[in-house]
Amino acid sequence: MFPRLAAPSGLYENSAIEGHRDMAQGGTLALAAKIRGSVPLNPVDSQFLESFSDTVRAIYDAALSPDAWPVALHRIGELFAARGAVIYFNNGGGDTDFLFSEGVGHAVQIYQDEAWWQRDVHAQRAMEMHLTGGDIFTDQSVATKQEIETLPIFTDFFRKVGFGWLMGCVIVPDLDMFASVSVPRARERGPFTATEMDMLRLLSRHVEQALRLSLRIANLESAQRVLQQILDKIEAGLYVLDAQERIVLDNQVGRAQFSDFFTLSDGRLTALDKDSAPLFDTLLADARSAAGLQSTPRSCMLGSENDQRILISALPLTDSGRTQLNLTDTARTLVLTTPAEHDSLINPTALRDIFDLSLGEARLASLVGGGVTVRKAASQLGVTEGTARVVLKRIFQKLGVKRQAELVLRMSALGRHQSFHLEGYTNRS
C-alpha cells in the first residue's frame, strides 16, 4: 500500500511507460485549464473548484503547522471519496516514516506491525518502473487483473482494513528524500479514473512545496515554542510579503542573503538581477492570486554577483499561517529560499520547473550539465548508458542545444540570465 522504496532514478527503460507519462502530463494540463476557467464550468465543476481550493489551503496551513497535516490529508481523501490519505517518506538509507489522516491510522499501524511492506507489490513494481516525481501509480498499473484477485496485499490486507483500491503520486520535497502521497478507498467506490489521477498529480505538487518548509520546522531540534524564533533557526531564507509585495517578516538567513539577491523597488521585494526580475514577479503573482491555488506551483532560480544561486519557492499564506505568525490579514505570500546547488550540481526540481522537464530528465541534465560523463551519470541513476543517451536527446531538444558542451554552458548561466525562458514559464498551467 505505502511504497517502501529507495530513491528511484526516474529514467524510463521502455517507450510504453514514457508514452504513458506524456499522456498523463497532457491530462494534467487539461485539468488545470478546466480548473482555471479556460473551459466553461458547470455548477458541479464550481463546487469541485471550491473544494479543491479549500484542500490546497489546508495543505498550505500545514506548511507552517506540521501538526495540521492529518487535517490536510483528510481533505485530500475527501476529494476522492476516500477515508483519508498518507504521505510516505524514505531517506534512501532504509529509514521510513508516515504522515496520515485519522481515518487511515489503523491501516497504517497494521501495515507496519505485520510487515506488509515485505509483500506489497506496489513497492516492488514501482521500483522496477523507476517512478519519480509526478508519476502516478495505481493497482492496475503495478498488477494484472489476476494478481489483484490473488495477491495477499489485495486479498488479505486490503480486505482486513477495508480498502479496495489505491492510487499514489511520487513527490520530491527534498533532494535526499523519496516520498509519495497515497489515497486508498473502499472497493464499492470503484477504481480511480484518469481525471482523478490528474487531480492527485496536481495536488501532490502543492504537497511537495508545502513540505519544503514544513519538514524544516518539524525536524528542527529546538525547545523554542514561538514560531518566529524557530524560523530564525531554519537553514533557509524566508520572507513574508503583503499584497503590495512589501516585506512584513523575514528570518535570519533571509536578512543575511538579502543584499546578494534582492532589492526594494518602491518598497516591493524585487530580484536584483533585472533579467530574472520578471520571472520572480510572475512567481509571486501566481502565489498571491486565487488561481494559484488551482495551478501547478513552480519555482525559479536567482543568482548573485559572487556566483551563488538560490532556489525560490512562493507559497500562499493562509489564515492559519497568519495566526501562527501573529500577522494581520495583509500578509499574503511566503517566499522560501534554499540553495540551488548541492555538490556543485543544480537542484533537479529547479530544472524541472524552469525547462518543463520530467524529473528524470532533470536529474540527468543536472549531472551532465555539471560535467559528469553520460556513462557515469547513467550508473548513478541506475539505467543503461543507451537509455541515458536517448533521454539526453530529449533534453537537448527541450533546451534548444545540440551538444553536451552547450548544455554545460546553459547550466552555468542558469540563474544569471533567465529571460530567454520567461515566455514558456508564464504560459504554463
Protein backbone atom coordinates (compact mmCIF):
# COMPACT_ATOMS: atom_id res chain seq x y z
CA MET A 1 0.00 0.00 0.00
CA PHE A 2 2.58 2.56 1.08
CA PRO A 3 5.63 2.02 -1.19
CA ARG A 4 8.81 1.13 0.66
CA LEU A 5 11.26 2.37 -1.96
CA ALA A 6 14.81 3.56 -2.25
CA ALA A 7 15.12 6.79 -4.20
CA PRO A 8 14.44 5.81 -7.85
CA SER A 9 16.29 7.02 -10.91
CA GLY A 10 13.29 8.39 -12.77
CA LEU A 11 14.60 7.41 -16.22
CA TYR A 12 12.28 5.10 -18.09
CA GLU A 13 13.61 1.90 -19.61
CA ASN A 14 10.86 1.45 -22.21
CA SER A 15 8.85 3.65 -24.53
CA ALA A 16 5.47 2.36 -23.33
CA ILE A 17 5.96 3.85 -19.88
CA GLU A 18 7.32 7.09 -21.36
CA GLY A 19 4.27 7.31 -23.61
CA HIS A 20 2.02 6.93 -20.58
CA ARG A 21 3.89 9.80 -18.92
CA ASP A 22 3.31 12.06 -21.94
CA MET A 23 -0.42 11.32 -21.97
CA ALA A 24 -0.63 11.86 -18.22
CA GLN A 25 1.12 15.22 -18.46
CA GLY A 26 -1.33 16.30 -21.15
CA GLY A 27 -4.20 15.28 -18.88
CA THR A 28 -2.82 17.44 -16.09
CA LEU A 29 -2.67 20.44 -18.40
CA ALA A 30 -6.26 19.84 -19.49
CA LEU A 31 -7.42 19.53 -15.89
CA ALA A 32 -5.55 22.67 -14.87
CA ALA A 33 -7.02 24.56 -17.83
CA LYS A 34 -10.51 23.50 -16.81
CA ILE A 35 -9.95 24.48 -13.20
CA ARG A 36 -8.52 27.86 -14.18
CA GLY A 37 -11.54 28.69 -16.31
CA SER A 38 -10.40 28.28 -19.91
CA VAL A 39 -13.16 25.64 -20.20
CA PRO A 40 -16.68 26.70 -19.07
CA LEU A 41 -17.57 25.39 -15.61
CA ASN A 42 -20.99 24.00 -14.75
CA PRO A 43 -22.35 24.13 -11.15
CA VAL A 44 -20.82 20.75 -10.31
CA ASP A 45 -17.45 22.00 -11.55
CA SER A 46 -17.83 25.13 -9.41
CA GLN A 47 -18.47 23.05 -6.30
CA PHE A 48 -15.43 20.95 -7.11
CA LEU A 49 -13.35 24.09 -7.65
CA GLU A 50 -14.30 25.37 -4.19
CA SER A 51 -13.49 22.02 -2.55
CA PHE A 52 -10.21 21.79 -4.43
CA SER A 53 -9.17 25.31 -3.35
CA ASP A 54 -10.12 24.57 0.27
CA THR A 55 -7.96 21.44 0.15
CA VAL A 56 -4.97 23.37 -1.20
CA ARG A 57 -5.41 25.95 1.58
CA ALA A 58 -5.38 23.11 4.12
CA ILE A 59 -2.12 21.87 2.58
CA TYR A 60 -0.52 25.29 2.98
CA ASP A 61 -1.91 25.55 6.54
CA ALA A 62 0.33 22.56 7.28
CA ALA A 63 3.39 24.28 5.80
CA LEU A 64 3.78 26.37 8.96
CA SER A 65 1.91 23.97 11.28
CA PRO A 66 3.17 20.38 10.78
CA ASP A 67 0.55 19.16 13.26
CA ALA A 68 -2.09 20.17 10.70
CA TRP A 69 -1.06 17.54 8.14
CA PRO A 70 -3.66 14.97 9.29
CA VAL A 71 -6.40 17.51 8.53
CA ALA A 72 -4.91 18.34 5.12
CA LEU A 73 -4.63 14.64 4.27
CA HIS A 74 -8.23 14.10 5.35
CA ARG A 75 -9.29 16.84 2.94
CA ILE A 76 -7.30 15.20 0.14
CA GLY A 77 -9.07 11.92 0.83
CA GLU A 78 -12.48 13.61 0.71
CA LEU A 79 -11.85 14.81 -2.85
CA PHE A 80 -11.54 11.17 -3.92
CA ALA A 81 -14.37 9.72 -1.79
CA ALA A 82 -11.65 8.03 0.27
CA ARG A 83 -11.15 7.55 4.01
CA GLY A 84 -8.06 9.73 4.00
CA ALA A 85 -4.55 9.91 2.60
CA VAL A 86 -0.98 9.02 3.57
CA ILE A 87 2.43 10.58 2.91
CA TYR A 88 5.24 8.04 2.92
CA PHE A 89 8.89 9.07 3.41
CA ASN A 90 12.14 7.20 2.72
CA ASN A 91 15.52 8.87 3.19
CA GLY A 92 17.28 6.36 0.94
CA GLY A 93 19.01 4.68 3.87
CA GLY A 94 16.15 2.41 4.86
CA ASP A 95 14.55 4.79 7.36
CA THR A 96 10.84 5.28 6.70
CA ASP A 97 8.09 7.38 8.21
CA PHE A 98 4.44 8.25 7.60
CA LEU A 99 2.08 11.19 7.86
CA PHE A 100 -1.56 10.15 7.71
CA SER A 101 -5.11 11.25 8.37
CA GLU A 102 -7.06 9.79 11.27
CA GLY A 103 -9.29 7.70 9.01
CA VAL A 104 -6.40 5.51 7.81
CA GLY A 105 -4.36 5.45 11.03
CA HIS A 106 -5.47 1.92 11.95
CA ALA A 107 -4.49 0.63 8.50
CA VAL A 108 -1.05 2.25 8.72
CA GLN A 109 -0.49 0.62 12.12
CA ILE A 110 -1.39 -2.84 10.78
CA TYR A 111 0.77 -2.27 7.69
CA GLN A 112 3.78 -1.58 9.90
CA ASP A 113 3.11 -4.10 12.68
CA GLU A 114 2.52 -7.01 10.30
CA ALA A 115 5.35 -6.02 7.93
CA TRP A 116 3.07 -5.83 4.90
CA TRP A 117 5.70 -3.76 3.12
CA GLN A 118 7.57 -7.05 2.54
CA ARG A 119 4.63 -8.35 0.47
CA ASP A 120 3.50 -5.10 -1.10
CA VAL A 121 3.53 -5.48 -4.88
CA HIS A 122 3.10 -1.72 -5.24
CA ALA A 123 6.62 -1.18 -3.90
CA GLN A 124 8.23 -3.93 -5.97
CA ARG A 125 6.71 -2.85 -9.27
CA ALA A 126 7.24 0.85 -8.60
CA MET A 127 10.96 0.18 -8.16
CA GLU A 128 11.07 -1.72 -11.44
CA MET A 129 9.33 1.18 -13.23
CA HIS A 130 11.74 3.77 -11.77
CA LEU A 131 8.90 6.06 -10.71
CA THR A 132 9.89 9.62 -9.89
CA GLY A 133 8.33 12.97 -9.00
CA GLY A 134 4.89 13.48 -10.55
CA ASP A 135 4.43 9.83 -11.55
CA ILE A 136 1.13 8.19 -10.63
CA PHE A 137 0.82 4.53 -9.64
CA THR A 138 -2.40 2.55 -9.17
CA ASP A 139 -3.33 -1.07 -8.56
CA GLN A 140 -3.86 -1.54 -12.29
CA SER A 141 -0.50 0.00 -13.23
CA VAL A 142 1.50 -2.29 -10.93
CA ALA A 143 -0.51 -5.54 -11.06
CA THR A 144 -2.51 -7.63 -13.52
CA LYS A 145 -6.22 -8.34 -13.00
CA GLN A 146 -5.38 -11.87 -11.87
CA GLU A 147 -2.80 -10.58 -9.37
CA ILE A 148 -5.31 -8.13 -7.91
CA GLU A 149 -7.63 -11.09 -7.33
CA THR A 150 -4.98 -13.37 -5.79
CA LEU A 151 -2.04 -11.50 -4.19
CA PRO A 152 -2.13 -11.25 -0.36
CA ILE A 153 -1.72 -7.46 -0.32
CA PHE A 154 -5.12 -7.26 -2.04
CA THR A 155 -6.92 -10.37 -0.76
CA ASP A 156 -5.75 -10.19 2.87
CA PHE A 157 -4.50 -6.74 3.84
CA PHE A 158 -6.92 -4.68 1.76
CA ARG A 159 -9.89 -6.71 2.99
CA LYS A 160 -8.72 -6.57 6.60
CA VAL A 161 -8.55 -2.76 6.63
CA GLY A 162 -11.48 -2.11 4.28
CA PHE A 163 -9.54 -0.93 1.23
CA GLY A 164 -10.48 -1.77 -2.33
CA TRP A 165 -8.29 0.49 -4.47
CA LEU A 166 -5.15 2.56 -4.04
CA MET A 167 -3.61 5.41 -6.02
CA GLY A 168 -0.39 7.28 -5.26
CA CYS A 169 1.83 10.04 -6.63
CA VAL A 170 5.59 10.37 -6.13
CA ILE A 171 6.83 13.72 -4.77
CA VAL A 172 10.29 15.15 -4.09
CA PRO A 173 10.15 17.65 -1.19
CA ASP A 174 13.89 17.26 -0.54
CA LEU A 175 16.80 16.04 -2.67
CA ASP A 176 17.82 13.45 -0.07
CA MET A 177 14.32 12.07 0.36
CA PHE A 178 11.81 9.97 -1.57
CA ALA A 179 8.14 10.45 -0.73
CA SER A 180 4.70 9.65 -2.09
CA VAL A 181 1.11 10.71 -1.46
CA SER A 182 -1.25 7.69 -1.39
CA VAL A 183 -5.05 7.63 -1.40
CA PRO A 184 -6.86 4.35 -0.55
CA ARG A 185 -10.62 3.94 -0.86
CA ALA A 186 -13.33 1.29 -0.49
CA ARG A 187 -13.97 -1.24 -3.23
CA GLU A 188 -17.54 -0.13 -3.88
CA ARG A 189 -16.21 3.28 -4.96
CA GLY A 190 -14.58 1.69 -8.00
CA PRO A 191 -11.06 2.10 -9.42
CA PHE A 192 -9.55 5.56 -9.81
CA THR A 193 -10.22 7.36 -13.09
CA ALA A 194 -7.74 9.18 -15.31
CA THR A 195 -9.21 12.52 -14.19
CA GLU A 196 -8.67 11.58 -10.55
CA MET A 197 -5.07 10.64 -11.31
CA ASP A 198 -4.52 14.06 -12.89
CA MET A 199 -6.10 15.73 -9.86
CA LEU A 200 -3.82 13.86 -7.44
CA ARG A 201 -0.78 14.81 -9.52
CA LEU A 202 -1.76 18.48 -9.31
CA LEU A 203 -2.46 18.31 -5.57
CA SER A 204 0.80 16.47 -4.94
CA ARG A 205 2.85 19.35 -6.31
CA HIS A 206 1.27 21.61 -3.67
CA VAL A 207 2.04 18.97 -1.02
CA GLU A 208 5.64 18.83 -2.24
CA GLN A 209 6.02 22.61 -1.99
CA ALA A 210 4.41 22.88 1.46
CA LEU A 211 6.62 20.08 2.79
CA ARG A 212 9.76 22.01 1.84
CA LEU A 213 9.05 24.36 4.73
CA SER A 214 7.07 22.02 6.97
CA LEU A 215 9.84 19.41 7.18
CA ARG A 216 12.39 22.04 8.17
CA ILE A 217 10.16 23.19 11.01
CA ALA A 218 9.26 19.67 12.17
CA ASN A 219 12.86 18.43 12.09
CA LEU A 220 14.30 21.39 13.97
CA GLU A 221 15.70 20.24 17.30
CA SER A 222 14.72 23.23 19.40
CA ALA A 223 12.83 23.84 22.58
CA GLN A 224 11.53 27.12 21.21
CA ARG A 225 7.74 27.39 21.18
CA VAL A 226 7.47 30.69 19.33
CA LEU A 227 7.29 30.04 15.59
CA GLN A 228 9.09 33.26 14.67
CA GLN A 229 12.06 32.16 16.78
CA ILE A 230 12.01 28.72 15.15
CA LEU A 231 12.02 30.28 11.67
CA ASP A 232 15.17 32.19 12.60
CA LYS A 233 16.89 28.85 13.17
CA ILE A 234 15.99 27.04 9.94
CA GLU A 235 18.66 26.82 7.25
CA ALA A 236 16.59 28.55 4.59
CA GLY A 237 15.75 32.15 3.80
CA LEU A 238 12.20 33.30 4.45
CA TYR A 239 10.27 36.47 3.61
CA VAL A 240 6.59 37.13 4.30
CA LEU A 241 5.10 39.69 1.91
CA ASP A 242 1.91 41.73 1.95
CA ALA A 243 -0.38 42.32 -1.04
CA GLN A 244 1.98 45.03 -2.32
CA GLU A 245 4.93 42.59 -2.04
CA ARG A 246 6.48 44.51 0.84
CA ILE A 247 8.36 42.54 3.50
CA VAL A 248 6.42 42.26 6.76
CA LEU A 249 8.55 39.48 8.28
CA ASP A 250 11.86 37.80 7.48
CA ASN A 251 14.24 35.42 9.22
CA GLN A 252 17.96 35.47 9.95
CA VAL A 253 19.05 33.68 6.76
CA GLY A 254 16.78 35.91 4.69
CA ARG A 255 18.29 39.05 6.16
CA ALA A 256 21.83 37.76 5.61
CA GLN A 257 21.33 36.95 1.92
CA PHE A 258 19.06 39.88 1.04
CA SER A 259 21.71 42.22 -0.39
CA ASP A 260 23.14 39.48 -2.63
CA PHE A 261 19.88 38.62 -4.39
CA PHE A 262 17.22 41.26 -3.76
CA THR A 263 16.48 44.94 -3.66
CA LEU A 264 13.47 47.08 -2.76
CA SER A 265 11.70 48.94 -5.55
CA ASP A 266 9.16 51.38 -4.09
CA GLY A 267 9.14 49.11 -1.06
CA ARG A 268 8.48 45.94 -3.13
CA LEU A 269 10.73 42.89 -2.91
CA THR A 270 12.44 42.65 -6.30
CA ALA A 271 15.14 40.41 -7.76
CA LEU A 272 18.44 42.26 -8.02
CA ASP A 273 19.18 40.72 -11.43
CA LYS A 274 17.00 42.61 -13.92
CA ASP A 275 16.92 39.60 -16.27
CA SER A 276 15.48 37.41 -13.50
CA ALA A 277 13.11 40.02 -12.06
CA PRO A 278 10.14 39.38 -14.44
CA LEU A 279 10.23 35.65 -13.70
CA PHE A 280 10.41 36.30 -9.95
CA ASP A 281 7.50 38.75 -10.18
CA THR A 282 5.42 36.15 -12.04
CA LEU A 283 6.15 33.60 -9.32
CA LEU A 284 4.91 35.99 -6.62
CA ALA A 285 1.80 36.94 -8.59
CA ASP A 286 0.86 33.27 -9.08
CA ALA A 287 1.23 32.54 -5.36
CA ARG A 288 -0.80 35.61 -4.40
CA SER A 289 -3.71 35.00 -6.79
CA ALA A 290 -6.68 32.73 -6.20
CA ALA A 291 -5.88 30.96 -9.47
CA GLY A 292 -2.54 29.97 -7.99
CA LEU A 293 -4.33 27.57 -5.65
CA GLN A 294 -5.59 25.59 -8.64
CA SER A 295 -2.46 25.58 -10.81
CA THR A 296 0.81 23.69 -10.59
CA PRO A 297 3.24 25.52 -8.25
CA ARG A 298 6.59 26.46 -9.76
CA SER A 299 10.00 27.61 -8.59
CA CYS A 300 12.69 29.83 -10.08
CA MET A 301 16.38 30.47 -9.58
CA LEU A 302 18.25 33.66 -8.73
CA GLY A 303 21.98 34.29 -8.97
CA SER A 304 24.31 36.78 -7.33
CA GLU A 305 27.46 38.59 -8.42
CA ASN A 306 29.53 36.25 -6.25
CA ASP A 307 28.25 33.24 -8.27
CA GLN A 308 25.89 31.94 -5.59
CA ARG A 309 22.48 30.67 -6.69
CA ILE A 310 19.29 30.09 -4.73
CA LEU A 311 16.04 28.27 -5.48
CA ILE A 312 12.89 30.33 -4.86
CA SER A 313 9.51 28.89 -3.86
CA ALA A 314 6.47 31.10 -3.22
CA LEU A 315 3.65 29.79 -1.02
CA PRO A 316 0.27 31.41 -0.38
CA LEU A 317 -0.05 32.41 3.28
CA THR A 318 -3.31 31.07 4.73
CA ASP A 319 -5.38 32.41 7.62
CA SER A 320 -3.88 29.71 9.83
CA GLY A 321 -0.37 30.75 8.79
CA ARG A 322 -1.06 34.39 9.60
CA THR A 323 -2.36 33.37 13.03
CA GLN A 324 0.72 31.23 13.66
CA LEU A 325 2.99 34.16 12.79
CA ASN A 326 0.82 36.70 14.65
CA LEU A 327 0.41 38.77 11.48
CA THR A 328 -2.52 40.80 10.18
CA ASP A 329 -4.58 39.74 7.18
CA THR A 330 -2.44 41.96 4.93
CA ALA A 331 0.27 39.25 4.86
CA ARG A 332 -0.29 37.22 1.69
CA THR A 333 2.80 35.36 0.44
CA LEU A 334 5.63 33.35 1.97
CA VAL A 335 8.86 33.26 -0.04
CA LEU A 336 11.26 30.41 0.78
CA THR A 337 14.86 30.34 -0.49
CA THR A 338 17.09 27.27 -0.44
CA PRO A 339 20.48 26.52 -2.04
CA ALA A 340 20.09 25.81 -5.75
CA GLU A 341 23.19 23.62 -5.86
CA HIS A 342 24.37 20.55 -4.00
CA ASP A 343 27.91 19.28 -4.56
CA SER A 344 28.20 21.74 -7.48
CA LEU A 345 25.11 20.26 -9.19
CA ILE A 346 21.90 22.21 -9.79
CA ASN A 347 18.81 21.08 -7.91
CA PRO A 348 16.85 18.90 -10.40
CA THR A 349 13.50 20.28 -9.21
CA ALA A 350 14.61 23.73 -10.38
CA LEU A 351 15.44 22.37 -13.84
CA ARG A 352 12.10 20.54 -13.93
CA ASP A 353 10.16 23.74 -13.26
CA ILE A 354 12.21 26.10 -15.42
CA PHE A 355 12.53 23.95 -18.54
CA ASP A 356 9.38 21.79 -18.30
CA LEU A 357 11.43 18.61 -17.97
CA SER A 358 10.33 15.42 -16.29
CA LEU A 359 12.17 14.93 -13.01
CA GLY A 360 14.07 12.01 -14.57
CA GLU A 361 15.23 14.27 -17.40
CA ALA A 362 16.11 16.97 -14.87
CA ARG A 363 18.26 14.57 -12.84
CA LEU A 364 20.25 13.64 -15.94
CA ALA A 365 20.51 17.28 -17.08
CA SER A 366 21.83 18.26 -13.65
CA LEU A 367 24.55 15.61 -13.75
CA VAL A 368 25.64 16.05 -17.37
CA GLY A 369 25.29 19.83 -17.14
CA GLY A 370 27.54 19.69 -14.09
CA GLY A 371 30.30 17.99 -16.06
CA VAL A 372 29.55 14.33 -15.23
CA THR A 373 30.04 11.95 -18.17
CA VAL A 374 26.97 10.25 -19.63
CA ARG A 375 28.32 6.83 -18.63
CA LYS A 376 28.87 7.88 -15.01
CA ALA A 377 25.51 9.69 -14.88
CA ALA A 378 23.74 6.57 -16.16
CA SER A 379 25.45 4.50 -13.47
CA GLN A 380 24.39 6.92 -10.73
CA LEU A 381 20.80 6.90 -11.99
CA GLY A 382 20.65 3.12 -12.32
CA VAL A 383 19.99 2.96 -16.07
CA THR A 384 21.95 1.85 -19.12
CA GLU A 385 24.16 4.28 -20.98
CA GLY A 386 21.97 3.79 -24.06
CA THR A 387 18.84 4.82 -22.15
CA ALA A 388 20.64 7.86 -20.76
CA ARG A 389 21.66 8.97 -24.26
CA VAL A 390 18.07 8.65 -25.52
CA VAL A 391 16.86 10.80 -22.62
CA LEU A 392 19.71 13.27 -23.22
CA LYS A 393 18.50 13.79 -26.81
CA ARG A 394 15.07 14.78 -25.45
CA ILE A 395 16.76 17.21 -23.06
CA PHE A 396 18.73 18.76 -25.92
CA GLN A 397 15.50 19.26 -27.89
CA LYS A 398 13.69 20.90 -24.98
CA LEU A 399 16.59 23.22 -24.15
CA GLY A 400 17.48 24.02 -27.75
CA VAL A 401 21.07 22.79 -27.55
CA LYS A 402 22.95 20.29 -29.72
CA ARG A 403 25.99 19.23 -27.69
CA GLN A 404 26.92 18.45 -24.10
CA ALA A 405 29.24 21.46 -24.03
CA GLU A 406 26.26 23.73 -24.79
CA LEU A 407 24.28 22.05 -22.00
CA VAL A 408 27.11 22.74 -19.55
CA LEU A 409 27.14 26.40 -20.59
CA ARG A 410 23.35 26.63 -20.22
CA MET A 411 23.51 25.17 -16.71
CA SER A 412 26.35 27.52 -15.80
CA ALA A 413 24.37 30.56 -16.98
CA LEU A 414 21.14 29.49 -15.26
CA GLY A 415 20.05 31.91 -12.57
CA ARG A 416 22.11 34.70 -14.05
CA HIS A 417 20.23 35.36 -17.31
CA GLN A 418 16.81 33.68 -17.41
CA SER A 419 14.81 35.99 -19.64
CA PHE A 420 15.09 33.53 -22.55
CA HIS A 421 12.54 31.17 -20.94
CA LEU A 422 10.17 33.66 -19.32
CA GLU A 423 7.51 33.24 -22.02
CA GLY A 424 7.43 29.47 -21.54
CA TYR A 425 7.04 29.92 -17.81
CA THR A 426 4.15 32.36 -17.94
CA ASN A 427 2.21 30.21 -20.40
CA ARG A 428 2.21 27.17 -18.15
CA SER A 429 -0.81 25.99 -16.25
